Amino acid sequence: MSSELIFYTNPMSRGRTVRWMLEETGTPYKTELLEYGTTMKAAAYLAINPMGKVPAIKHGDTVVTETAAICAYLADAFPQANLAPALADRGAYYRWLFFGAGPLEQAFVNKALGVQVPEERKRMTGYGSLEEVVDALDKRLQESPYFAGKTFTAADVYTGGLIGWLTHFGMIEKRPAFMDYLSRITVRPGFVRAQQIDEALIPKKE
């Protein structure tokens, strides 16, 4: 696909994950920086994403929002980057990509907001507890070098990126399996480039 790829983001947002994914694909893209409360809520951007949030991408006539969906789309749009397994081997890939977007996201957001789920209603959350979610991630990374198996994929960009963020800010434990895994994925050239780009875009404090 040769259509122009536009990336809508803010360097202090989940757009950092999509930046990493874009750098992993190696494809050229244009960045549109948006600000909270102003350009992010302006009519021009609401036509792209009515939620008025970032990240989003526009690839030719195709618009994709939601970070996990963008990662999955880019993996398929640029197959030469080998960021998604062959269709017959995508069970673990889909499972852990959307485990990050579902149970992990829900569990840590509830914790951050101080939401206490009564024991008798845990089944209604869809994830049980943050501890159960963390245990599931830990088990997977003890048995496999990457979430989809032996090869780095978009599932590692998304779910691995969340693990990096959560351990960095102390929201989940720095378990040995997590730190060993992060030592592999955060030395990738795509990750390093993405971090450097976004750090340079954050306004410097006087």
C-alpha atoms as a PDB file:
ATOM      1  CA  MET A   1       0.000   0.000   0.000  1.00  0.00           C
ATOM      2  CA  SER A   2       1.546   3.320  -1.082  1.00  0.00           C
ATOM      3  CA  SER A   3      -0.973   5.762   0.398  1.00  0.00           C
ATOM      4  CA  GLU A   4       0.242   8.461   2.780  1.00  0.00           C
ATOM      5  CA  LEU A   5       0.328   7.427   6.432  1.00  0.00           C
ATOM      6  CA  ILE A   6      -0.532  10.151   8.967  1.00  0.00           C
ATOM      7  CA  PHE A   7      -0.001   9.623  12.694  1.00  0.00           C
ATOM      8  CA  TYR A   8      -1.986  11.770  15.145  1.00  0.00           C
ATOM      9  CA  THR A   9      -0.413  11.885  18.575  1.00  0.00           C
ATOM     10  CA  ASN A  10       0.877  13.689  21.625  1.00  0.00           C
ATOM     11  CA  PRO A  11       4.264  12.632  23.077  1.00  0.00           C
ATOM     12  CA  MET A  12       2.688  12.270  26.527  1.00  0.00           C
ATOM     13  CA  SER A  13       0.049   9.740  25.540  1.00  0.00           C
ATOM     14  CA  ARG A  14      -0.489   6.152  24.423  1.00  0.00           C
ATOM     15  CA  GLY A  15       0.696   7.468  21.081  1.00  0.00           C
ATOM     16  CA  ARG A  16       4.176   6.487  22.246  1.00  0.00           C
ATOM     17  CA  THR A  17       3.205   2.850  21.706  1.00  0.00           C
ATOM     18  CA  VAL A  18       2.058   3.545  18.151  1.00  0.00           C
ATOM     19  CA  ARG A  19       5.239   5.533  17.479  1.00  0.00           C
ATOM     20  CA  TRP A  20       7.204   2.455  18.492  1.00  0.00           C
ATOM     21  CA  MET A  21       5.079   0.277  16.225  1.00  0.00           C
ATOM     22  CA  LEU A  22       5.584   2.669  13.303  1.00  0.00           C
ATOM     23  CA  GLU A  23       9.332   2.663  13.830  1.00  0.00           C
ATOM     24  CA  GLU A  24       9.300  -1.144  13.882  1.00  0.00           C
ATOM     25  CA  THR A  25       7.558  -1.240  10.495  1.00  0.00           C
ATOM     26  CA  GLY A  26      10.220   0.981   8.930  1.00  0.00           C
ATOM     27  CA  THR A  27       7.622   2.721   6.783  1.00  0.00           C
ATOM     28  CA  PRO A  28       7.606   6.521   6.255  1.00  0.00           C
ATOM     29  CA  TYR A  29       4.884   8.445   8.066  1.00  0.00           C
ATOM     30  CA  LYS A  30       3.837  11.998   8.809  1.00  0.00           C
ATOM     31  CA  THR A  31       3.255  13.116  12.397  1.00  0.00           C
ATOM     32  CA  GLU A  32       0.465  15.498  13.392  1.00  0.00           C
ATOM     33  CA  LEU A  33       0.969  16.719  16.971  1.00  0.00           C
ATOM     34  CA  LEU A  34      -2.199  17.524  18.891  1.00  0.00           C
ATOM     35  CA  GLU A  35      -2.701  19.215  22.244  1.00  0.00           C
ATOM     36  CA  TYR A  36      -5.108  18.173  24.972  1.00  0.00           C
ATOM     37  CA  GLY A  37      -8.246  20.278  25.213  1.00  0.00           C
ATOM     38  CA  THR A  38      -7.568  22.323  22.057  1.00  0.00           C
ATOM     39  CA  THR A  39      -6.563  20.740  18.741  1.00  0.00           C
ATOM     40  CA  MET A  40      -7.512  17.309  20.057  1.00  0.00           C
ATOM     41  CA  LYS A  41     -11.101  18.550  20.454  1.00  0.00           C
ATOM     42  CA  ALA A  42     -11.206  20.703  17.305  1.00  0.00           C
ATOM     43  CA  ALA A  43     -13.617  19.871  14.487  1.00  0.00           C
ATOM     44  CA  ALA A  44     -10.825  18.863  12.100  1.00  0.00           C
ATOM     45  CA  TYR A  45      -9.611  16.118  14.425  1.00  0.00           C
ATOM     46  CA  LEU A  46     -13.059  15.078  15.634  1.00  0.00           C
ATOM     47  CA  ALA A  47     -13.729  14.154  12.002  1.00  0.00           C
ATOM     48  CA  ILE A  48     -10.873  11.647  12.386  1.00  0.00           C
ATOM     49  CA  ASN A  49     -11.711  10.458  15.889  1.00  0.00           C
ATOM     50  CA  PRO A  50     -15.028  11.608  17.407  1.00  0.00           C
ATOM     51  CA  MET A  51     -13.667  10.659  20.842  1.00  0.00           C
ATOM     52  CA  GLY A  52     -11.193  13.514  20.556  1.00  0.00           C
ATOM     53  CA  LYS A  53      -8.283  11.459  21.831  1.00  0.00           C
ATOM     54  CA  VAL A  54      -5.000  10.158  20.472  1.00  0.00           C
ATOM     55  CA  PRO A  55      -3.489   8.107  18.986  1.00  0.00           C
ATOM     56  CA  ALA A  56      -5.056   7.615  15.572  1.00  0.00           C
ATOM     57  CA  ILE A  57      -3.729   6.931  12.100  1.00  0.00           C
ATOM     58  CA  LYS A  58      -5.011   7.711   8.634  1.00  0.00           C
ATOM     59  CA  HIS A  59      -3.610   5.459   5.913  1.00  0.00           C
ATOM     60  CA  GLY A  60      -4.965   6.601   2.580  1.00  0.00           C
ATOM     61  CA  ASP A  61      -8.726   6.547   3.161  1.00  0.00           C
ATOM     62  CA  THR A  62      -8.497   4.181   6.140  1.00  0.00           C
ATOM     63  CA  VAL A  63      -8.763   5.579   9.668  1.00  0.00           C
ATOM     64  CA  VAL A  64      -7.851   3.439  12.669  1.00  0.00           C
ATOM     65  CA  THR A  65      -8.178   4.446  16.319  1.00  0.00           C
ATOM     66  CA  GLU A  66      -7.450   2.559  19.574  1.00  0.00           C
ATOM     67  CA  THR A  67      -3.834   1.642  20.200  1.00  0.00           C
ATOM     68  CA  ALA A  68      -4.113  -2.147  20.012  1.00  0.00           C
ATOM     69  CA  ALA A  69      -6.180  -1.929  16.818  1.00  0.00           C
ATOM     70  CA  ILE A  70      -3.588   0.389  15.253  1.00  0.00           C
ATOM     71  CA  CYS A  71      -0.792  -2.029  16.142  1.00  0.00           C
ATOM     72  CA  ALA A  72      -2.709  -4.955  14.633  1.00  0.00           C
ATOM     73  CA  TYR A  73      -3.510  -2.942  11.501  1.00  0.00           C
ATOM     74  CA  LEU A  74       0.087  -1.825  10.948  1.00  0.00           C
ATOM     75  CA  ALA A  75       1.369  -5.378  11.370  1.00  0.00           C
ATOM     76  CA  ASP A  76      -0.969  -6.486   8.565  1.00  0.00           C
ATOM     77  CA  ALA A  77      -0.463  -3.399   6.377  1.00  0.00           C
ATOM     78  CA  PHE A  78       3.330  -3.839   6.376  1.00  0.00           C
ATOM     79  CA  PRO A  79       3.896  -7.613   6.383  1.00  0.00           C
ATOM     80  CA  GLN A  80       7.531  -7.204   5.340  1.00  0.00           C
ATOM     81  CA  ALA A  81       8.278  -6.116   8.924  1.00  0.00           C
ATOM     82  CA  ASN A  82       7.238  -9.575  10.217  1.00  0.00           C
ATOM     83  CA  LEU A  83       5.307  -8.161  13.178  1.00  0.00           C
ATOM     84  CA  ALA A  84       2.459 -10.688  12.971  1.00  0.00           C
ATOM     85  CA  PRO A  85       2.710 -14.477  12.642  1.00  0.00           C
ATOM     86  CA  ALA A  86       1.194 -16.402   9.761  1.00  0.00           C
ATOM     87  CA  LEU A  87      -2.581 -16.651  10.161  1.00  0.00           C
ATOM     88  CA  ALA A  88      -2.407 -20.307  11.202  1.00  0.00           C
ATOM     89  CA  ASP A  89      -0.077 -19.350  14.077  1.00  0.00           C
ATOM     90  CA  ARG A  90      -1.934 -16.316  15.429  1.00  0.00           C
ATOM     91  CA  GLY A  91      -3.645 -17.840  18.460  1.00  0.00           C
ATOM     92  CA  ALA A  92      -1.139 -16.637  21.055  1.00  0.00           C
ATOM     93  CA  TYR A  93      -0.545 -13.402  19.141  1.00  0.00           C
ATOM     94  CA  TYR A  94      -4.203 -12.355  19.235  1.00  0.00           C
ATOM     95  CA  ARG A  95      -4.652 -13.661  22.751  1.00  0.00           C
ATOM     96  CA  TRP A  96      -1.882 -11.592  24.329  1.00  0.00           C
ATOM     97  CA  LEU A  97      -2.323  -8.497  22.167  1.00  0.00           C
ATOM     98  CA  PHE A  98      -5.922  -8.202  23.302  1.00  0.00           C
ATOM     99  CA  PHE A  99      -5.202  -9.443  26.816  1.00  0.00           C
ATOM    100  CA  GLY A 100      -3.205  -6.232  27.126  1.00  0.00           C
ATOM    101  CA  ALA A 101      -6.001  -4.139  25.622  1.00  0.00           C
ATOM    102  CA  GLY A 102      -8.671  -5.791  27.761  1.00  0.00           C
ATOM    103  CA  PRO A 103      -7.882  -7.318  31.174  1.00  0.00           C
ATOM    104  CA  LEU A 104      -4.564  -5.538  31.749  1.00  0.00           C
ATOM    105  CA  GLU A 105      -5.861  -2.078  30.788  1.00  0.00           C
ATOM    106  CA  GLN A 106      -9.043  -2.506  32.849  1.00  0.00           C
ATOM    107  CA  ALA A 107      -7.221  -3.847  35.885  1.00  0.00           C
ATOM    108  CA  PHE A 108      -4.584  -1.137  36.164  1.00  0.00           C
ATOM    109  CA  VAL A 109      -6.996   1.718  35.356  1.00  0.00           C
ATOM    110  CA  ASN A 110      -9.308   0.545  38.133  1.00  0.00           C
ATOM    111  CA  LYS A 111      -6.351   0.368  40.505  1.00  0.00           C
ATOM    112  CA  ALA A 112      -5.185   3.851  39.503  1.00  0.00           C
ATOM    113  CA  LEU A 113      -8.684   5.226  40.118  1.00  0.00           C
ATOM    114  CA  GLY A 114      -8.971   3.499  43.484  1.00  0.00           C
ATOM    115  CA  VAL A 115     -11.864   1.326  42.374  1.00  0.00           C
ATOM    116  CA  GLN A 116     -12.444  -1.495  44.845  1.00  0.00           C
ATOM    117  CA  VAL A 117     -14.345  -4.405  43.317  1.00  0.00           C
ATOM    118  CA  PRO A 118     -16.262  -6.420  45.941  1.00  0.00           C
ATOM    119  CA  GLU A 119     -15.131 -10.044  46.081  1.00  0.00           C
ATOM    120  CA  GLU A 120     -18.577 -11.308  45.094  1.00  0.00           C
ATOM    121  CA  ARG A 121     -18.518  -9.154  41.928  1.00  0.00           C
ATOM    122  CA  LYS A 122     -15.043  -9.980  40.650  1.00  0.00           C
ATOM    123  CA  ARG A 123     -16.505 -12.152  37.885  1.00  0.00           C
ATOM    124  CA  MET A 124     -18.288  -9.095  36.483  1.00  0.00           C
ATOM    125  CA  THR A 125     -15.023  -7.238  35.831  1.00  0.00           C
ATOM    126  CA  GLY A 126     -13.853  -9.603  33.112  1.00  0.00           C
ATOM    127  CA  TYR A 127     -10.377  -9.825  34.642  1.00  0.00           C
ATOM    128  CA  GLY A 128     -10.864 -10.882  38.271  1.00  0.00           C
ATOM    129  CA  SER A 129      -8.102  -8.876  39.921  1.00  0.00           C
ATOM    130  CA  LEU A 130      -4.902  -7.093  38.949  1.00  0.00           C
ATOM    131  CA  GLU A 131      -2.944  -9.792  40.787  1.00  0.00           C
ATOM    132  CA  GLU A 132      -4.493 -12.520  38.633  1.00  0.00           C
ATOM    133  CA  VAL A 133      -3.735 -10.540  35.470  1.00  0.00           C
ATOM    134  CA  VAL A 134      -0.111 -10.019  36.522  1.00  0.00           C
ATOM    135  CA  ASP A 135       0.255 -13.702  37.386  1.00  0.00           C
ATOM    136  CA  ALA A 136      -1.013 -14.669  33.911  1.00  0.00           C
ATOM    137  CA  LEU A 137       1.509 -12.343  32.229  1.00  0.00           C
ATOM    138  CA  ASP A 138       4.307 -13.626  34.439  1.00  0.00           C
ATOM    139  CA  LYS A 139       3.486 -17.254  33.613  1.00  0.00           C
ATOM    140  CA  ARG A 140       3.474 -16.551  29.885  1.00  0.00           C
ATOM    141  CA  LEU A 141       6.835 -14.806  29.972  1.00  0.00           C
ATOM    142  CA  GLN A 142       8.384 -17.592  32.003  1.00  0.00           C
ATOM    143  CA  GLU A 143       7.409 -20.099  29.336  1.00  0.00           C
ATOM    144  CA  SER A 144       8.050 -18.014  26.198  1.00  0.00           C
ATOM    145  CA  PRO A 145      10.602 -15.330  25.215  1.00  0.00           C
ATOM    146  CA  TYR A 146       7.878 -13.253  23.518  1.00  0.00           C
ATOM    147  CA  PHE A 147       4.106 -13.204  23.839  1.00  0.00           C
ATOM    148  CA  ALA A 148       3.424 -14.903  20.501  1.00  0.00           C
ATOM    149  CA  GLY A 149       6.245 -17.400  20.900  1.00  0.00           C
ATOM    150  CA  LYS A 150       9.855 -17.209  19.773  1.00  0.00           C
ATOM    151  CA  THR A 151       9.454 -14.094  17.635  1.00  0.00           C
ATOM    152  CA  PHE A 152       8.853 -10.427  18.509  1.00  0.00           C
ATOM    153  CA  THR A 153       5.461  -9.187  17.248  1.00  0.00           C
ATOM    154  CA  ALA A 154       2.975  -6.344  17.627  1.00  0.00           C
ATOM    155  CA  ALA A 155       1.739  -8.112  20.766  1.00  0.00           C
ATOM    156  CA  ASP A 156       5.073  -7.251  22.367  1.00  0.00           C
ATOM    157  CA  VAL A 157       4.829  -3.634  21.265  1.00  0.00           C
ATOM    158  CA  TYR A 158       1.416  -3.222  22.865  1.00  0.00           C
ATOM    159  CA  THR A 159       1.351  -5.529  25.874  1.00  0.00           C
ATOM    160  CA  GLY A 160       5.090  -5.336  26.416  1.00  0.00           C
ATOM    161  CA  GLY A 161       4.915  -1.569  26.269  1.00  0.00           C
ATOM    162  CA  LEU A 162       2.274  -1.604  29.009  1.00  0.00           C
ATOM    163  CA  ILE A 163       4.406  -3.854  31.195  1.00  0.00           C
ATOM    164  CA  GLY A 164       7.307  -1.453  30.775  1.00  0.00           C
ATOM    165  CA  TRP A 165       5.157   1.529  31.745  1.00  0.00           C
ATOM    166  CA  LEU A 166       3.525  -0.205  34.711  1.00  0.00           C
ATOM    167  CA  THR A 167       6.788  -1.493  36.181  1.00  0.00           C
ATOM    168  CA  HIS A 168       8.461   1.879  35.667  1.00  0.00           C
ATOM    169  CA  PHE A 169       5.749   3.671  37.641  1.00  0.00           C
ATOM    170  CA  GLY A 170       5.481   0.982  40.308  1.00  0.00           C
ATOM    171  CA  MET A 171       1.953  -0.112  39.467  1.00  0.00           C
ATOM    172  CA  ILE A 172       3.010  -3.752  39.145  1.00  0.00           C
ATOM    173  CA  GLU A 173       5.955  -5.636  40.626  1.00  0.00           C
ATOM    174  CA  LYS A 174       9.303  -5.787  38.826  1.00  0.00           C
ATOM    175  CA  ARG A 175       9.204  -9.553  38.642  1.00  0.00           C
ATOM    176  CA  PRO A 176      12.266 -11.337  37.208  1.00  0.00           C
ATOM    177  CA  ALA A 177      10.358 -12.576  34.141  1.00  0.00           C
ATOM    178  CA  PHE A 178       9.180  -9.027  33.389  1.00  0.00           C
ATOM    179  CA  MET A 179      12.593  -7.436  33.750  1.00  0.00           C
ATOM    180  CA  ASP A 180      14.284 -10.126  31.668  1.00  0.00           C
ATOM    181  CA  TYR A 181      11.655  -9.650  28.952  1.00  0.00           C
ATOM    182  CA  LEU A 182      11.952  -5.863  29.016  1.00  0.00           C
ATOM    183  CA  SER A 183      15.718  -6.122  28.673  1.00  0.00           C
ATOM    184  CA  ARG A 184      15.112  -7.822  25.312  1.00  0.00           C
ATOM    185  CA  ILE A 185      12.446  -5.574  23.841  1.00  0.00           C
ATOM    186  CA  THR A 186      13.752  -2.176  24.959  1.00  0.00           C
ATOM    187  CA  VAL A 187      17.095  -2.544  23.167  1.00  0.00           C
ATOM    188  CA  ARG A 188      15.398  -2.874  19.792  1.00  0.00           C
ATOM    189  CA  PRO A 189      16.362  -0.056  17.395  1.00  0.00           C
ATOM    190  CA  GLY A 190      12.689   0.731  16.740  1.00  0.00           C
ATOM    191  CA  PHE A 191      12.023   1.229  20.445  1.00  0.00           C
ATOM    192  CA  VAL A 192      15.119   3.382  20.929  1.00  0.00           C
ATOM    193  CA  ARG A 193      14.278   5.599  17.931  1.00  0.00           C
ATOM    194  CA  ALA A 194      10.670   6.021  19.053  1.00  0.00           C
ATOM    195  CA  GLN A 195      11.715   7.016  22.562  1.00  0.00           C
ATOM    196  CA  GLN A 196      14.210   9.555  21.257  1.00  0.00           C
ATOM    197  CA  ILE A 197      11.644  11.125  18.906  1.00  0.00           C
ATOM    198  CA  ASP A 198       8.949  11.457  21.551  1.00  0.00           C
ATOM    199  CA  GLU A 199      11.291  12.682  24.284  1.00  0.00           C
ATOM    200  CA  ALA A 200      12.469  15.442  21.941  1.00  0.00           C
ATOM    201  CA  LEU A 201       8.848  16.509  21.366  1.00  0.00           C
ATOM    202  CA  ILE A 202       7.984  16.973  25.051  1.00  0.00           C
ATOM    203  CA  PRO A 203       8.056  20.670  25.945  1.00  0.00           C
ATOM    204  CA  LYS A 204      11.012  21.458  28.196  1.00  0.00           C
ATOM    205  CA  LYS A 205      10.260  22.989  31.591  1.00  0.00           C
ATOM    206  CA  GLU A 206      11.753  26.421  32.206  1.00  0.00           C
END
